[in-house]
PDB file of N, CA and C in Angstrom:
ATOM      1  N   UNK A   1      -5.318   9.018 -18.810  1.00  0.00           N
ATOM      2  CA  UNK A   1      -4.950   7.719 -18.724  1.00  0.00           C
ATOM      3  C   UNK A   1      -4.196   7.210 -20.141  1.00  0.00           C
ATOM      4  N   UNK A   2      -2.674   6.761 -19.977  1.00  0.00           N
ATOM      5  CA  UNK A   2      -2.217   6.431 -21.190  1.00  0.00           C
ATOM      6  C   UNK A   2      -1.953   4.747 -20.999  1.00  0.00           C
ATOM      7  N   UNK A   3      -2.389   4.017 -20.328  1.00  0.00           N
ATOM      8  CA  UNK A   3      -2.308   2.751 -20.135  1.00  0.00           C
ATOM      9  C   UNK A   3      -3.277   2.078 -19.557  1.00  0.00           C
ATOM     10  N   UNK A   4      -3.210   1.061 -19.473  1.00  0.00           N
ATOM     11  CA  UNK A   4      -3.982  -0.081 -18.684  1.00  0.00           C
ATOM     12  C   UNK A   4      -3.659  -1.260 -18.428  1.00  0.00           C
ATOM     13  N   UNK A   5      -4.433  -2.073 -17.708  1.00  0.00           N
ATOM     14  CA  UNK A   5      -4.244  -3.546 -17.680  1.00  0.00           C
ATOM     15  C   UNK A   5      -5.729  -4.425 -17.393  1.00  0.00           C
ATOM     16  N   UNK A   6      -5.800  -5.417 -18.155  1.00  0.00           N
ATOM     17  CA  UNK A   6      -6.998  -6.219 -18.336  1.00  0.00           C
ATOM     18  C   UNK A   6      -6.227  -7.533 -17.349  1.00  0.00           C
ATOM     19  N   UNK A   7      -7.379  -7.683 -16.325  1.00  0.00           N
ATOM     20  CA  UNK A   7      -7.100  -8.792 -15.378  1.00  0.00           C
ATOM     21  C   UNK A   7      -8.090  -9.765 -15.363  1.00  0.00           C
ATOM     22  N   UNK A   8      -7.458 -10.892 -15.730  1.00  0.00           N
ATOM     23  CA  UNK A   8      -8.713 -11.958 -15.667  1.00  0.00           C
ATOM     24  C   UNK A   8      -8.417 -12.882 -14.369  1.00  0.00           C
ATOM     25  N   UNK A   9      -9.439 -13.224 -13.478  1.00  0.00           N
ATOM     26  CA  UNK A   9      -9.318 -14.104 -12.497  1.00  0.00           C
ATOM     27  C   UNK A   9     -10.384 -15.209 -12.861  1.00  0.00           C
ATOM     28  N   UNK A  10      -9.732 -16.588 -12.454  1.00  0.00           N
ATOM     29  CA  UNK A  10     -10.201 -17.817 -13.071  1.00  0.00           C
ATOM     30  C   UNK A  10     -10.463 -18.540 -11.894  1.00  0.00           C
ATOM     31  N   UNK A  11     -10.952 -19.571 -12.026  1.00  0.00           N
ATOM     32  CA  UNK A  11     -11.283 -20.261 -10.637  1.00  0.00           C
ATOM     33  C   UNK A  11     -12.685 -21.363 -10.590  1.00  0.00           C
ATOM     34  N   UNK A  12     -12.650 -22.328  -9.675  1.00  0.00           N
ATOM     35  CA  UNK A  12     -13.833 -23.143  -9.817  1.00  0.00           C
ATOM     36  C   UNK A  12     -14.908 -22.308  -9.354  1.00  0.00           C
ATOM     37  N   UNK A  13     -16.206 -22.619  -9.488  1.00  0.00           N
ATOM     38  CA  UNK A  13     -17.180 -22.344  -8.652  1.00  0.00           C
ATOM     39  C   UNK A  13     -16.874 -22.332  -7.106  1.00  0.00           C
ATOM     40  N   UNK A  14     -17.531 -21.389  -6.100  1.00  0.00           N
ATOM     41  CA  UNK A  14     -17.549 -21.102  -4.740  1.00  0.00           C
ATOM     42  C   UNK A  14     -16.114 -20.922  -4.026  1.00  0.00           C
ATOM     43  N   UNK A  15     -15.186 -20.435  -5.051  1.00  0.00           N
ATOM     44  CA  UNK A  15     -13.737 -20.309  -4.224  1.00  0.00           C
ATOM     45  C   UNK A  15     -13.267 -18.945  -3.578  1.00  0.00           C
ATOM     46  N   UNK A  16     -14.449 -17.620  -4.163  1.00  0.00           N
ATOM     47  CA  UNK A  16     -14.447 -16.231  -3.975  1.00  0.00           C
ATOM     48  C   UNK A  16     -13.791 -15.646  -4.830  1.00  0.00           C
ATOM     49  N   UNK A  17     -13.846 -15.958  -5.799  1.00  0.00           N
ATOM     50  CA  UNK A  17     -13.682 -14.959  -7.039  1.00  0.00           C
ATOM     51  C   UNK A  17     -14.352 -13.732  -6.971  1.00  0.00           C
ATOM     52  N   UNK A  18     -15.616 -13.734  -6.769  1.00  0.00           N
ATOM     53  CA  UNK A  18     -16.174 -12.204  -6.992  1.00  0.00           C
ATOM     54  C   UNK A  18     -15.799 -11.618  -5.649  1.00  0.00           C
ATOM     55  N   UNK A  19     -15.832 -12.045  -4.725  1.00  0.00           N
ATOM     56  CA  UNK A  19     -15.339 -11.610  -3.091  1.00  0.00           C
ATOM     57  C   UNK A  19     -14.007 -10.712  -3.695  1.00  0.00           C
ATOM     58  N   UNK A  20     -13.197 -11.725  -4.073  1.00  0.00           N
ATOM     59  CA  UNK A  20     -11.519 -10.866  -4.544  1.00  0.00           C
ATOM     60  C   UNK A  20     -11.841 -10.039  -5.192  1.00  0.00           C
ATOM     61  N   UNK A  21     -12.481  -9.768  -6.571  1.00  0.00           N
ATOM     62  CA  UNK A  21     -12.553  -8.979  -7.387  1.00  0.00           C
ATOM     63  C   UNK A  21     -13.109  -7.646  -6.785  1.00  0.00           C
ATOM     64  N   UNK A  22     -14.041  -7.949  -5.859  1.00  0.00           N
ATOM     65  CA  UNK A  22     -14.751  -6.906  -5.210  1.00  0.00           C
ATOM     66  C   UNK A  22     -13.932  -5.980  -4.458  1.00  0.00           C
ATOM     67  N   UNK A  23     -13.387  -7.036  -3.418  1.00  0.00           N
ATOM     68  CA  UNK A  23     -12.241  -6.161  -2.750  1.00  0.00           C
ATOM     69  C   UNK A  23     -10.880  -5.458  -3.648  1.00  0.00           C
ATOM     70  N   UNK A  24     -10.553  -6.140  -4.291  1.00  0.00           N
ATOM     71  CA  UNK A  24      -9.338  -5.541  -5.364  1.00  0.00           C
ATOM     72  C   UNK A  24      -9.924  -3.951  -6.030  1.00  0.00           C
ATOM     73  N   UNK A  25     -11.298  -4.064  -6.490  1.00  0.00           N
ATOM     74  CA  UNK A  25     -11.646  -3.082  -7.423  1.00  0.00           C
ATOM     75  C   UNK A  25     -11.899  -2.080  -6.145  1.00  0.00           C
ATOM     76  N   UNK A  26     -12.560  -2.197  -5.000  1.00  0.00           N
ATOM     77  CA  UNK A  26     -12.539  -1.155  -3.860  1.00  0.00           C
ATOM     78  C   UNK A  26     -11.185  -0.640  -3.679  1.00  0.00           C
ATOM     79  N   UNK A  27     -10.205  -1.426  -3.328  1.00  0.00           N
ATOM     80  CA  UNK A  27      -9.001  -1.007  -3.062  1.00  0.00           C
ATOM     81  C   UNK A  27      -8.224   0.168  -4.022  1.00  0.00           C
ATOM     82  N   UNK A  28      -8.505  -0.374  -5.572  1.00  0.00           N
ATOM     83  CA  UNK A  28      -8.004   0.184  -6.917  1.00  0.00           C
ATOM     84  C   UNK A  28      -8.679   1.092  -6.658  1.00  0.00           C
ATOM     85  N   UNK A  29      -9.941   1.447  -6.527  1.00  0.00           N
ATOM     86  CA  UNK A  29     -10.509   2.748  -6.583  1.00  0.00           C
ATOM     87  C   UNK A  29     -10.554   3.768  -5.439  1.00  0.00           C
ATOM     88  N   UNK A  30     -10.147   3.250  -4.236  1.00  0.00           N
ATOM     89  CA  UNK A  30      -9.712   4.214  -3.124  1.00  0.00           C
ATOM     90  C   UNK A  30      -8.173   4.862  -3.521  1.00  0.00           C
ATOM     91  N   UNK A  31      -7.646   4.174  -4.247  1.00  0.00           N
ATOM     92  CA  UNK A  31      -6.596   4.754  -5.042  1.00  0.00           C
ATOM     93  C   UNK A  31      -6.788   5.736  -6.175  1.00  0.00           C
ATOM     94  N   UNK A  32      -7.816   6.033  -6.630  1.00  0.00           N
ATOM     95  CA  UNK A  32      -8.246   6.789  -7.405  1.00  0.00           C
ATOM     96  C   UNK A  32      -7.926   6.027  -9.020  1.00  0.00           C
ATOM     97  N   UNK A  33      -7.775   4.676  -9.096  1.00  0.00           N
ATOM     98  CA  UNK A  33      -7.471   3.852 -10.228  1.00  0.00           C
ATOM     99  C   UNK A  33      -8.681   3.437 -10.706  1.00  0.00           C
ATOM    100  N   UNK A  34      -8.966   4.022 -12.062  1.00  0.00           N
ATOM    101  CA  UNK A  34     -10.321   3.731 -12.751  1.00  0.00           C
ATOM    102  C   UNK A  34     -10.633   2.234 -12.793  1.00  0.00           C
ATOM    103  N   UNK A  35     -11.839   1.746 -12.692  1.00  0.00           N
ATOM    104  CA  UNK A  35     -11.837   0.117 -12.711  1.00  0.00           C
ATOM    105  C   UNK A  35     -13.340   0.001 -13.147  1.00  0.00           C
ATOM    106  N   UNK A  36     -13.045  -1.156 -14.048  1.00  0.00           N
ATOM    107  CA  UNK A  36     -14.370  -1.828 -14.600  1.00  0.00           C
ATOM    108  C   UNK A  36     -14.441  -3.306 -14.323  1.00  0.00           C
ATOM    109  N   UNK A  37     -15.457  -3.616 -14.064  1.00  0.00           N
ATOM    110  CA  UNK A  37     -15.705  -5.342 -13.410  1.00  0.00           C
ATOM    111  C   UNK A  37     -16.395  -5.772 -14.444  1.00  0.00           C
ATOM    112  N   UNK A  38     -16.233  -6.984 -15.125  1.00  0.00           N
ATOM    113  CA  UNK A  38     -17.072  -7.322 -16.093  1.00  0.00           C
ATOM    114  C   UNK A  38     -17.136  -9.155 -15.683  1.00  0.00           C
ATOM    115  N   UNK A  39     -17.928  -9.594 -16.352  1.00  0.00           N
ATOM    116  CA  UNK A  39     -18.145 -11.390 -16.112  1.00  0.00           C
ATOM    117  C   UNK A  39     -18.346 -11.868 -17.108  1.00  0.00           C
ATOM    118  N   UNK A  40     -17.957 -13.000 -17.483  1.00  0.00           N
ATOM    119  CA  UNK A  40     -18.270 -13.791 -18.678  1.00  0.00           C
ATOM    120  C   UNK A  40     -19.735 -14.182 -18.682  1.00  0.00           C
ATOM    121  N   UNK A  41     -20.297 -14.335 -19.488  1.00  0.00           N
ATOM    122  CA  UNK A  41     -20.341 -13.471 -20.743  1.00  0.00           C
ATOM    123  C   UNK A  41     -20.602 -12.202 -20.575  1.00  0.00           C
ATOM    124  N   UNK A  42     -19.773 -11.285 -21.109  1.00  0.00           N
ATOM    125  CA  UNK A  42     -20.229  -9.979 -20.902  1.00  0.00           C
ATOM    126  C   UNK A  42     -20.498  -9.277 -22.070  1.00  0.00           C
ATOM    127  N   UNK A  43     -21.650  -7.906 -21.977  1.00  0.00           N
ATOM    128  CA  UNK A  43     -22.162  -7.564 -22.946  1.00  0.00           C
ATOM    129  C   UNK A  43     -21.583  -6.165 -22.462  1.00  0.00           C
ATOM    130  N   UNK A  44     -20.327  -6.047 -22.009  1.00  0.00           N
ATOM    131  CA  UNK A  44     -19.863  -4.389 -22.249  1.00  0.00           C
ATOM    132  C   UNK A  44     -19.545  -4.073 -23.668  1.00  0.00           C
ATOM    133  N   UNK A  45     -19.356  -2.867 -23.683  1.00  0.00           N
ATOM    134  CA  UNK A  45     -18.717  -1.931 -24.484  1.00  0.00           C
ATOM    135  C   UNK A  45     -17.335  -2.619 -24.727  1.00  0.00           C
ATOM    136  N   UNK A  46     -16.491  -2.730 -23.638  1.00  0.00           N
ATOM    137  CA  UNK A  46     -15.129  -3.187 -23.314  1.00  0.00           C
ATOM    138  C   UNK A  46     -14.906  -4.695 -24.087  1.00  0.00           C
ATOM    139  N   UNK A  47     -15.812  -5.550 -23.395  1.00  0.00           N
ATOM    140  CA  UNK A  47     -15.759  -6.917 -24.176  1.00  0.00           C
ATOM    141  C   UNK A  47     -16.199  -6.915 -25.727  1.00  0.00           C
ATOM    142  N   UNK A  48     -16.839  -6.342 -26.070  1.00  0.00           N
ATOM    143  CA  UNK A  48     -17.391  -6.313 -27.219  1.00  0.00           C
ATOM    144  C   UNK A  48     -15.924  -5.752 -28.155  1.00  0.00           C
ATOM    145  N   UNK A  49     -15.466  -4.703 -27.705  1.00  0.00           N
ATOM    146  CA  UNK A  49     -14.304  -3.945 -28.547  1.00  0.00           C
ATOM    147  C   UNK A  49     -12.793  -5.322 -28.567  1.00  0.00           C
ATOM    148  N   UNK A  50     -13.099  -6.171 -27.752  1.00  0.00           N
ATOM    149  CA  UNK A  50     -12.238  -7.180 -28.076  1.00  0.00           C
ATOM    150  C   UNK A  50     -12.021  -8.404 -29.153  1.00  0.00           C
ATOM    151  N   UNK A  51     -13.227  -8.323 -29.279  1.00  0.00           N
ATOM    152  CA  UNK A  51     -13.845  -9.300 -30.643  1.00  0.00           C
ATOM    153  C   UNK A  51     -13.872 -10.574 -30.109  1.00  0.00           C
ATOM    154  N   UNK A  52     -14.632 -11.201 -30.844  1.00  0.00           N
ATOM    155  CA  UNK A  52     -14.671 -12.958 -30.353  1.00  0.00           C
ATOM    156  C   UNK A  52     -13.634 -13.780 -29.863  1.00  0.00           C
ATOM    157  N   UNK A  53     -14.006 -14.563 -28.969  1.00  0.00           N
ATOM    158  CA  UNK A  53     -13.343 -15.211 -28.238  1.00  0.00           C
ATOM    159  C   UNK A  53     -12.399 -16.281 -29.169  1.00  0.00           C
ATOM    160  N   UNK A  54     -11.219 -16.372 -28.886  1.00  0.00           N
ATOM    161  CA  UNK A  54     -10.362 -17.433 -29.788  1.00  0.00           C
ATOM    162  C   UNK A  54     -10.053 -18.549 -28.961  1.00  0.00           C
ATOM    163  N   UNK A  55     -10.191 -19.967 -29.408  1.00  0.00           N
ATOM    164  CA  UNK A  55      -9.961 -20.985 -28.664  1.00  0.00           C
ATOM    165  C   UNK A  55      -8.351 -21.368 -28.349  1.00  0.00           C
ATOM    166  N   UNK A  56      -8.046 -21.679 -27.266  1.00  0.00           N
ATOM    167  CA  UNK A  56      -7.006 -21.900 -26.685  1.00  0.00           C
ATOM    168  C   UNK A  56      -5.726 -22.703 -27.272  1.00  0.00           C
TER     169      UNK A  56
END
């Protein structure tokens, strides 16, 4: 793999973010696209490699 994307899904509680992310991940995996789903706060290696969050 030579590239990738970091996709963020934001929204208020109860609007279906988790459901939408799961459906998208399943769709991408069905096309043999590697997917890593995380949630905030994340203790994954990917999140750790991004460094600390910066204020907007």
